[in-house]
């Protein structure tokens, strides 16, 4: 059974690119288009008895930004140890610190190189 990666990004293009890269790497992918729908999708996955091996999220999204999304995920005892990779256009140290304080495990700046993404994912998902 392949490992599940959960992707949260408001860009359809980025979600499609991540999905393509991750599926090619042998992962199952479920995605959401913002933090709010991300939390709802995670609840739905839990009800199905599924748990992501990793979450990849953007920071700048409508309805709920990535930092708030991460904080909410980390509040859930059944999800709090899942590694979260931030994939965003943001590269300022202040934003990175906010992400780390919220509970992010890593940070990649868009646009990403598929081999770079897979290298990071494979560090966290075995």
N, C-alpha and C. Protein backbone atom coordinates (compact mmCIF):
# COMPACT_ATOMS: atom_id res chain seq x y z
N UNK A 1 0.84 -1.19 0.00
CA UNK A 1 0.00 0.00 0.00
C UNK A 1 0.89 1.25 0.00
N UNK A 2 0.58 2.20 -0.89
CA UNK A 2 1.41 3.40 -0.97
C UNK A 2 1.08 4.36 0.18
N UNK A 3 2.05 5.17 0.53
CA UNK A 3 1.88 6.14 1.61
C UNK A 3 1.12 7.35 1.08
N UNK A 4 0.31 7.94 1.95
CA UNK A 4 -0.54 9.06 1.59
C UNK A 4 0.12 10.39 1.93
N UNK A 5 0.15 11.28 0.94
CA UNK A 5 0.62 12.66 1.14
C UNK A 5 -0.60 13.57 0.95
N UNK A 6 -0.81 14.46 1.91
CA UNK A 6 -1.94 15.39 1.85
C UNK A 6 -1.41 16.76 1.45
N UNK A 7 -1.95 17.33 0.38
CA UNK A 7 -1.49 18.60 -0.19
C UNK A 7 -2.57 19.67 -0.01
N UNK A 8 -2.16 20.85 0.49
CA UNK A 8 -3.09 21.97 0.64
C UNK A 8 -2.48 23.19 -0.06
N UNK A 9 -3.10 23.60 -1.17
CA UNK A 9 -2.60 24.75 -1.93
C UNK A 9 -3.76 25.32 -2.74
N UNK A 10 -3.89 26.64 -2.78
CA UNK A 10 -4.99 27.25 -3.51
C UNK A 10 -4.75 27.30 -5.02
N UNK A 11 -3.53 27.00 -5.46
CA UNK A 11 -3.24 27.00 -6.90
C UNK A 11 -3.49 25.62 -7.49
N UNK A 12 -4.43 25.55 -8.42
CA UNK A 12 -4.75 24.29 -9.09
C UNK A 12 -3.51 23.74 -9.81
N UNK A 13 -2.73 24.65 -10.41
CA UNK A 13 -1.52 24.26 -11.14
C UNK A 13 -0.50 23.62 -10.20
N UNK A 14 -0.28 24.24 -9.05
CA UNK A 14 0.68 23.70 -8.08
C UNK A 14 0.19 22.35 -7.56
N UNK A 15 -1.10 22.25 -7.24
CA UNK A 15 -1.64 20.96 -6.78
C UNK A 15 -1.43 19.87 -7.83
N UNK A 16 -1.70 20.20 -9.09
CA UNK A 16 -1.53 19.22 -10.18
C UNK A 16 -0.06 18.82 -10.32
N UNK A 17 0.83 19.78 -10.22
CA UNK A 17 2.25 19.51 -10.33
C UNK A 17 2.75 18.64 -9.17
N UNK A 18 2.30 18.96 -7.96
CA UNK A 18 2.66 18.15 -6.79
C UNK A 18 2.10 16.74 -6.93
N UNK A 19 0.85 16.66 -7.33
CA UNK A 19 0.21 15.35 -7.49
C UNK A 19 0.97 14.49 -8.49
N UNK A 20 1.33 15.07 -9.62
CA UNK A 20 2.05 14.35 -10.66
C UNK A 20 3.40 13.84 -10.12
N UNK A 21 4.15 14.74 -9.49
CA UNK A 21 5.47 14.39 -8.96
C UNK A 21 5.38 13.32 -7.88
N UNK A 22 4.45 13.49 -6.95
CA UNK A 22 4.33 12.55 -5.84
C UNK A 22 3.81 11.18 -6.29
N UNK A 23 2.84 11.18 -7.20
CA UNK A 23 2.32 9.90 -7.71
C UNK A 23 3.39 9.15 -8.48
N UNK A 24 4.18 9.90 -9.24
CA UNK A 24 5.29 9.30 -9.98
C UNK A 24 6.29 8.67 -9.00
N UNK A 25 6.39 9.26 -7.81
CA UNK A 25 7.28 8.75 -6.76
C UNK A 25 6.66 7.62 -5.95
N UNK A 26 5.44 7.21 -6.32
CA UNK A 26 4.81 6.08 -5.66
C UNK A 26 3.89 6.41 -4.49
N UNK A 27 3.54 7.68 -4.34
CA UNK A 27 2.68 8.08 -3.23
C UNK A 27 1.23 8.25 -3.68
N UNK A 28 0.32 8.03 -2.74
CA UNK A 28 -1.08 8.36 -2.95
C UNK A 28 -1.21 9.82 -2.55
N UNK A 29 -2.03 10.60 -3.27
CA UNK A 29 -2.15 12.03 -2.99
C UNK A 29 -3.62 12.41 -2.84
N UNK A 30 -3.91 13.16 -1.77
CA UNK A 30 -5.22 13.77 -1.57
C UNK A 30 -4.94 15.25 -1.40
N UNK A 31 -5.78 16.11 -2.00
CA UNK A 31 -5.50 17.54 -1.90
C UNK A 31 -6.73 18.36 -1.54
N UNK A 32 -6.44 19.57 -1.06
CA UNK A 32 -7.48 20.55 -0.72
C UNK A 32 -6.99 21.92 -1.20
N UNK A 33 -7.95 22.85 -1.42
CA UNK A 33 -7.57 24.13 -2.01
C UNK A 33 -7.38 25.29 -1.04
N UNK A 34 -7.56 25.07 0.26
CA UNK A 34 -7.22 26.08 1.27
C UNK A 34 -7.21 25.41 2.64
N UNK A 35 -6.77 26.15 3.64
CA UNK A 35 -6.64 25.57 4.98
C UNK A 35 -7.94 25.06 5.55
N UNK A 36 -9.05 25.79 5.33
CA UNK A 36 -10.34 25.37 5.88
C UNK A 36 -10.79 24.05 5.26
N UNK A 37 -10.74 23.95 3.94
CA UNK A 37 -11.15 22.69 3.31
C UNK A 37 -10.12 21.59 3.63
N UNK A 38 -8.87 22.00 3.90
CA UNK A 38 -7.86 21.04 4.32
C UNK A 38 -8.22 20.37 5.62
N UNK A 39 -8.66 21.15 6.60
CA UNK A 39 -9.08 20.58 7.89
C UNK A 39 -10.29 19.67 7.71
N UNK A 40 -11.23 20.10 6.87
CA UNK A 40 -12.42 19.28 6.62
C UNK A 40 -12.03 17.95 5.95
N UNK A 41 -11.11 18.00 5.00
CA UNK A 41 -10.66 16.79 4.31
C UNK A 41 -9.91 15.85 5.25
N UNK A 42 -9.12 16.43 6.15
CA UNK A 42 -8.41 15.59 7.13
C UNK A 42 -9.40 14.86 8.04
N UNK A 43 -10.47 15.54 8.43
CA UNK A 43 -11.51 14.90 9.25
C UNK A 43 -12.15 13.74 8.48
N UNK A 44 -12.42 13.98 7.22
CA UNK A 44 -13.02 12.96 6.36
C UNK A 44 -12.08 11.76 6.23
N UNK A 45 -10.79 12.02 6.04
CA UNK A 45 -9.81 10.93 5.95
C UNK A 45 -9.78 10.12 7.24
N UNK A 46 -9.83 10.82 8.39
CA UNK A 46 -9.81 10.12 9.69
C UNK A 46 -11.02 9.19 9.81
N UNK A 47 -12.18 9.66 9.36
CA UNK A 47 -13.39 8.83 9.41
C UNK A 47 -13.26 7.59 8.54
N UNK A 48 -12.44 7.68 7.48
CA UNK A 48 -12.20 6.54 6.59
C UNK A 48 -11.08 5.65 7.11
N UNK A 49 -10.50 6.04 8.25
CA UNK A 49 -9.40 5.27 8.82
C UNK A 49 -8.07 5.52 8.13
N UNK A 50 -7.97 6.66 7.40
CA UNK A 50 -6.73 6.99 6.70
C UNK A 50 -6.00 8.11 7.45
N UNK A 51 -4.68 8.04 7.37
CA UNK A 51 -3.85 9.05 8.02
C UNK A 51 -2.70 9.38 7.09
N UNK A 52 -2.52 10.66 6.75
CA UNK A 52 -1.41 11.01 5.86
C UNK A 52 -0.05 10.74 6.52
N UNK A 53 0.92 10.38 5.70
CA UNK A 53 2.29 10.21 6.18
C UNK A 53 3.00 11.56 6.22
N UNK A 54 2.48 12.50 5.44
CA UNK A 54 3.05 13.85 5.39
C UNK A 54 2.00 14.82 4.86
N UNK A 55 2.12 16.07 5.28
CA UNK A 55 1.25 17.14 4.77
C UNK A 55 2.16 18.20 4.13
N UNK A 56 1.77 18.65 2.94
CA UNK A 56 2.47 19.75 2.26
C UNK A 56 1.48 20.88 2.13
N UNK A 57 1.84 22.06 2.63
CA UNK A 57 0.90 23.19 2.58
C UNK A 57 1.55 24.49 2.12
N UNK A 58 0.76 25.30 1.47
CA UNK A 58 1.13 26.66 1.09
C UNK A 58 0.88 27.54 2.31
N UNK A 59 1.35 28.77 2.27
CA UNK A 59 1.10 29.73 3.35
C UNK A 59 -0.03 30.68 2.98
N UNK A 60 0.07 31.32 1.82
CA UNK A 60 -0.90 32.34 1.42
C UNK A 60 -2.08 31.71 0.68
N UNK A 61 -3.20 31.56 1.40
CA UNK A 61 -4.41 30.96 0.82
C UNK A 61 -5.63 31.70 1.35
N UNK A 62 -6.74 31.65 0.59
CA UNK A 62 -7.99 32.27 1.08
C UNK A 62 -8.61 31.44 2.21
N UNK A 63 -9.56 32.00 2.89
CA UNK A 63 -10.33 31.36 3.98
C UNK A 63 -9.48 30.99 5.19
N UNK A 64 -8.39 30.26 5.02
CA UNK A 64 -7.49 29.96 6.13
C UNK A 64 -6.08 29.80 5.59
N UNK A 65 -5.17 30.62 6.12
CA UNK A 65 -3.78 30.57 5.66
C UNK A 65 -3.07 29.33 6.21
N UNK A 66 -1.88 29.07 5.66
CA UNK A 66 -1.14 27.87 6.03
C UNK A 66 -0.68 27.82 7.47
N UNK A 67 -0.30 28.97 8.04
CA UNK A 67 0.16 28.99 9.44
C UNK A 67 -0.99 28.59 10.36
N UNK A 68 -2.17 29.15 10.14
CA UNK A 68 -3.34 28.80 10.95
C UNK A 68 -3.70 27.33 10.75
N UNK A 69 -3.62 26.86 9.51
CA UNK A 69 -3.89 25.45 9.20
C UNK A 69 -2.94 24.55 9.99
N UNK A 70 -1.64 24.86 9.97
CA UNK A 70 -0.65 24.05 10.69
C UNK A 70 -0.98 24.02 12.18
N UNK A 71 -1.27 25.18 12.75
CA UNK A 71 -1.59 25.26 14.19
C UNK A 71 -2.78 24.37 14.52
N UNK A 72 -3.80 24.38 13.65
CA UNK A 72 -4.99 23.55 13.88
C UNK A 72 -4.67 22.06 13.77
N UNK A 73 -3.84 21.69 12.82
CA UNK A 73 -3.45 20.28 12.67
C UNK A 73 -2.70 19.82 13.91
N UNK A 74 -1.80 20.65 14.40
CA UNK A 74 -0.97 20.28 15.55
C UNK A 74 -1.77 20.18 16.85
N UNK A 75 -2.96 20.81 16.89
CA UNK A 75 -3.84 20.71 18.06
C UNK A 75 -4.51 19.34 18.15
N UNK A 76 -4.61 18.64 17.03
CA UNK A 76 -5.28 17.34 16.96
C UNK A 76 -4.30 16.24 17.35
N UNK A 77 -4.57 15.57 18.47
CA UNK A 77 -3.66 14.55 18.99
C UNK A 77 -3.35 13.45 17.97
N UNK A 78 -4.31 13.12 17.11
CA UNK A 78 -4.09 12.03 16.15
C UNK A 78 -3.27 12.48 14.93
N UNK A 79 -3.07 13.79 14.79
CA UNK A 79 -2.35 14.32 13.62
C UNK A 79 -1.06 15.04 13.98
N UNK A 80 -0.86 15.34 15.27
CA UNK A 80 0.21 16.28 15.63
C UNK A 80 1.63 15.82 15.31
N UNK A 81 1.84 14.52 15.11
CA UNK A 81 3.20 14.06 14.81
C UNK A 81 3.45 13.86 13.31
N UNK A 82 2.48 14.23 12.48
CA UNK A 82 2.67 14.13 11.03
C UNK A 82 3.58 15.27 10.59
N UNK A 83 4.66 14.96 9.84
CA UNK A 83 5.53 16.04 9.36
C UNK A 83 4.78 16.94 8.37
N UNK A 84 5.01 18.25 8.51
CA UNK A 84 4.37 19.22 7.62
C UNK A 84 5.45 20.01 6.90
N UNK A 85 5.41 19.96 5.57
CA UNK A 85 6.33 20.71 4.73
C UNK A 85 5.60 21.93 4.18
N UNK A 86 6.18 23.10 4.37
CA UNK A 86 5.63 24.32 3.80
C UNK A 86 6.24 24.51 2.42
N UNK A 87 5.39 24.67 1.42
CA UNK A 87 5.82 24.93 0.04
C UNK A 87 5.17 26.24 -0.37
N UNK A 88 5.96 27.30 -0.47
CA UNK A 88 5.40 28.63 -0.64
C UNK A 88 6.34 29.54 -1.41
N UNK A 89 5.84 30.69 -1.84
CA UNK A 89 6.69 31.70 -2.48
C UNK A 89 7.41 32.53 -1.41
N UNK A 90 6.96 32.42 -0.17
CA UNK A 90 7.55 33.19 0.93
C UNK A 90 8.94 32.67 1.28
N UNK A 91 9.90 33.58 1.41
CA UNK A 91 11.25 33.13 1.77
C UNK A 91 11.85 33.96 2.92
N UNK A 92 11.07 34.88 3.47
CA UNK A 92 11.57 35.72 4.56
C UNK A 92 11.78 34.88 5.83
N UNK A 93 12.83 35.21 6.55
CA UNK A 93 13.17 34.50 7.79
C UNK A 93 12.01 34.58 8.78
N UNK A 94 11.34 35.73 8.86
CA UNK A 94 10.22 35.90 9.81
C UNK A 94 9.10 34.90 9.53
N UNK A 95 8.75 34.72 8.25
CA UNK A 95 7.70 33.77 7.88
C UNK A 95 8.14 32.35 8.21
N UNK A 96 9.41 32.04 7.94
CA UNK A 96 9.93 30.70 8.24
C UNK A 96 9.85 30.43 9.74
N UNK A 97 10.17 31.43 10.55
CA UNK A 97 10.09 31.28 12.01
C UNK A 97 8.64 31.05 12.45
N UNK A 98 7.71 31.79 11.84
CA UNK A 98 6.29 31.60 12.15
C UNK A 98 5.88 30.16 11.84
N UNK A 99 6.32 29.67 10.69
CA UNK A 99 6.00 28.31 10.28
C UNK A 99 6.57 27.29 11.24
N UNK A 100 7.81 27.50 11.63
CA UNK A 100 8.46 26.56 12.56
C UNK A 100 7.75 26.57 13.91
N UNK A 101 7.43 27.77 14.41
CA UNK A 101 6.73 27.90 15.69
C UNK A 101 5.36 27.24 15.63
N UNK A 102 4.71 27.30 14.47
CA UNK A 102 3.39 26.68 14.31
C UNK A 102 3.50 25.16 14.29
N UNK A 103 4.67 24.65 13.88
CA UNK A 103 4.86 23.19 13.86
C UNK A 103 5.34 22.62 12.54
N UNK A 104 5.74 23.49 11.59
CA UNK A 104 6.23 22.99 10.30
C UNK A 104 7.57 22.27 10.49
N UNK A 105 7.75 21.19 9.75
CA UNK A 105 8.98 20.40 9.83
C UNK A 105 10.02 20.86 8.81
N UNK A 106 9.57 21.48 7.71
CA UNK A 106 10.48 21.91 6.67
C UNK A 106 9.86 23.01 5.83
N UNK A 107 10.68 23.61 4.96
CA UNK A 107 10.25 24.77 4.18
C UNK A 107 10.91 24.70 2.81
N UNK A 108 10.12 24.74 1.76
CA UNK A 108 10.63 24.79 0.38
C UNK A 108 10.01 26.00 -0.31
N UNK A 109 10.82 26.71 -1.10
CA UNK A 109 10.32 27.88 -1.81
C UNK A 109 9.93 27.49 -3.23
N UNK A 110 8.75 27.96 -3.67
CA UNK A 110 8.29 27.75 -5.05
C UNK A 110 9.07 28.66 -5.97
N UNK A 111 9.26 28.30 -7.20
CA UNK A 111 8.88 27.02 -7.80
C UNK A 111 9.83 25.92 -7.33
N UNK A 112 9.33 24.71 -7.22
CA UNK A 112 10.15 23.61 -6.73
C UNK A 112 10.64 22.74 -7.88
N UNK A 113 11.77 22.10 -7.65
CA UNK A 113 12.28 21.12 -8.61
C UNK A 113 11.78 19.76 -8.12
N UNK A 114 11.21 18.94 -9.01
CA UNK A 114 10.67 17.65 -8.58
C UNK A 114 11.65 16.80 -7.77
N UNK A 115 12.92 16.76 -8.19
CA UNK A 115 13.89 15.94 -7.46
C UNK A 115 14.19 16.51 -6.07
N UNK A 116 14.13 17.84 -5.96
CA UNK A 116 14.33 18.49 -4.66
C UNK A 116 13.16 18.15 -3.73
N UNK A 117 11.95 18.25 -4.25
CA UNK A 117 10.76 17.92 -3.46
C UNK A 117 10.82 16.46 -2.99
N UNK A 118 11.11 15.55 -3.90
CA UNK A 118 11.14 14.13 -3.55
C UNK A 118 12.24 13.84 -2.53
N UNK A 119 13.35 14.55 -2.62
CA UNK A 119 14.43 14.38 -1.64
C UNK A 119 13.96 14.74 -0.24
N UNK A 120 13.23 15.85 -0.13
CA UNK A 120 12.72 16.29 1.17
C UNK A 120 11.65 15.31 1.67
N UNK A 121 10.72 14.94 0.79
CA UNK A 121 9.64 14.03 1.19
C UNK A 121 10.23 12.71 1.70
N UNK A 122 11.21 12.18 1.00
CA UNK A 122 11.79 10.89 1.39
C UNK A 122 12.57 10.95 2.70
N UNK A 123 13.00 12.15 3.11
CA UNK A 123 13.65 12.31 4.42
C UNK A 123 12.62 12.10 5.54
N UNK A 124 11.39 12.50 5.29
CA UNK A 124 10.35 12.43 6.32
C UNK A 124 9.48 11.19 6.24
N UNK A 125 9.30 10.66 5.03
CA UNK A 125 8.39 9.53 4.83
C UNK A 125 9.20 8.30 4.43
N UNK A 126 9.19 7.30 5.28
CA UNK A 126 9.94 6.07 4.99
C UNK A 126 9.02 4.91 4.81
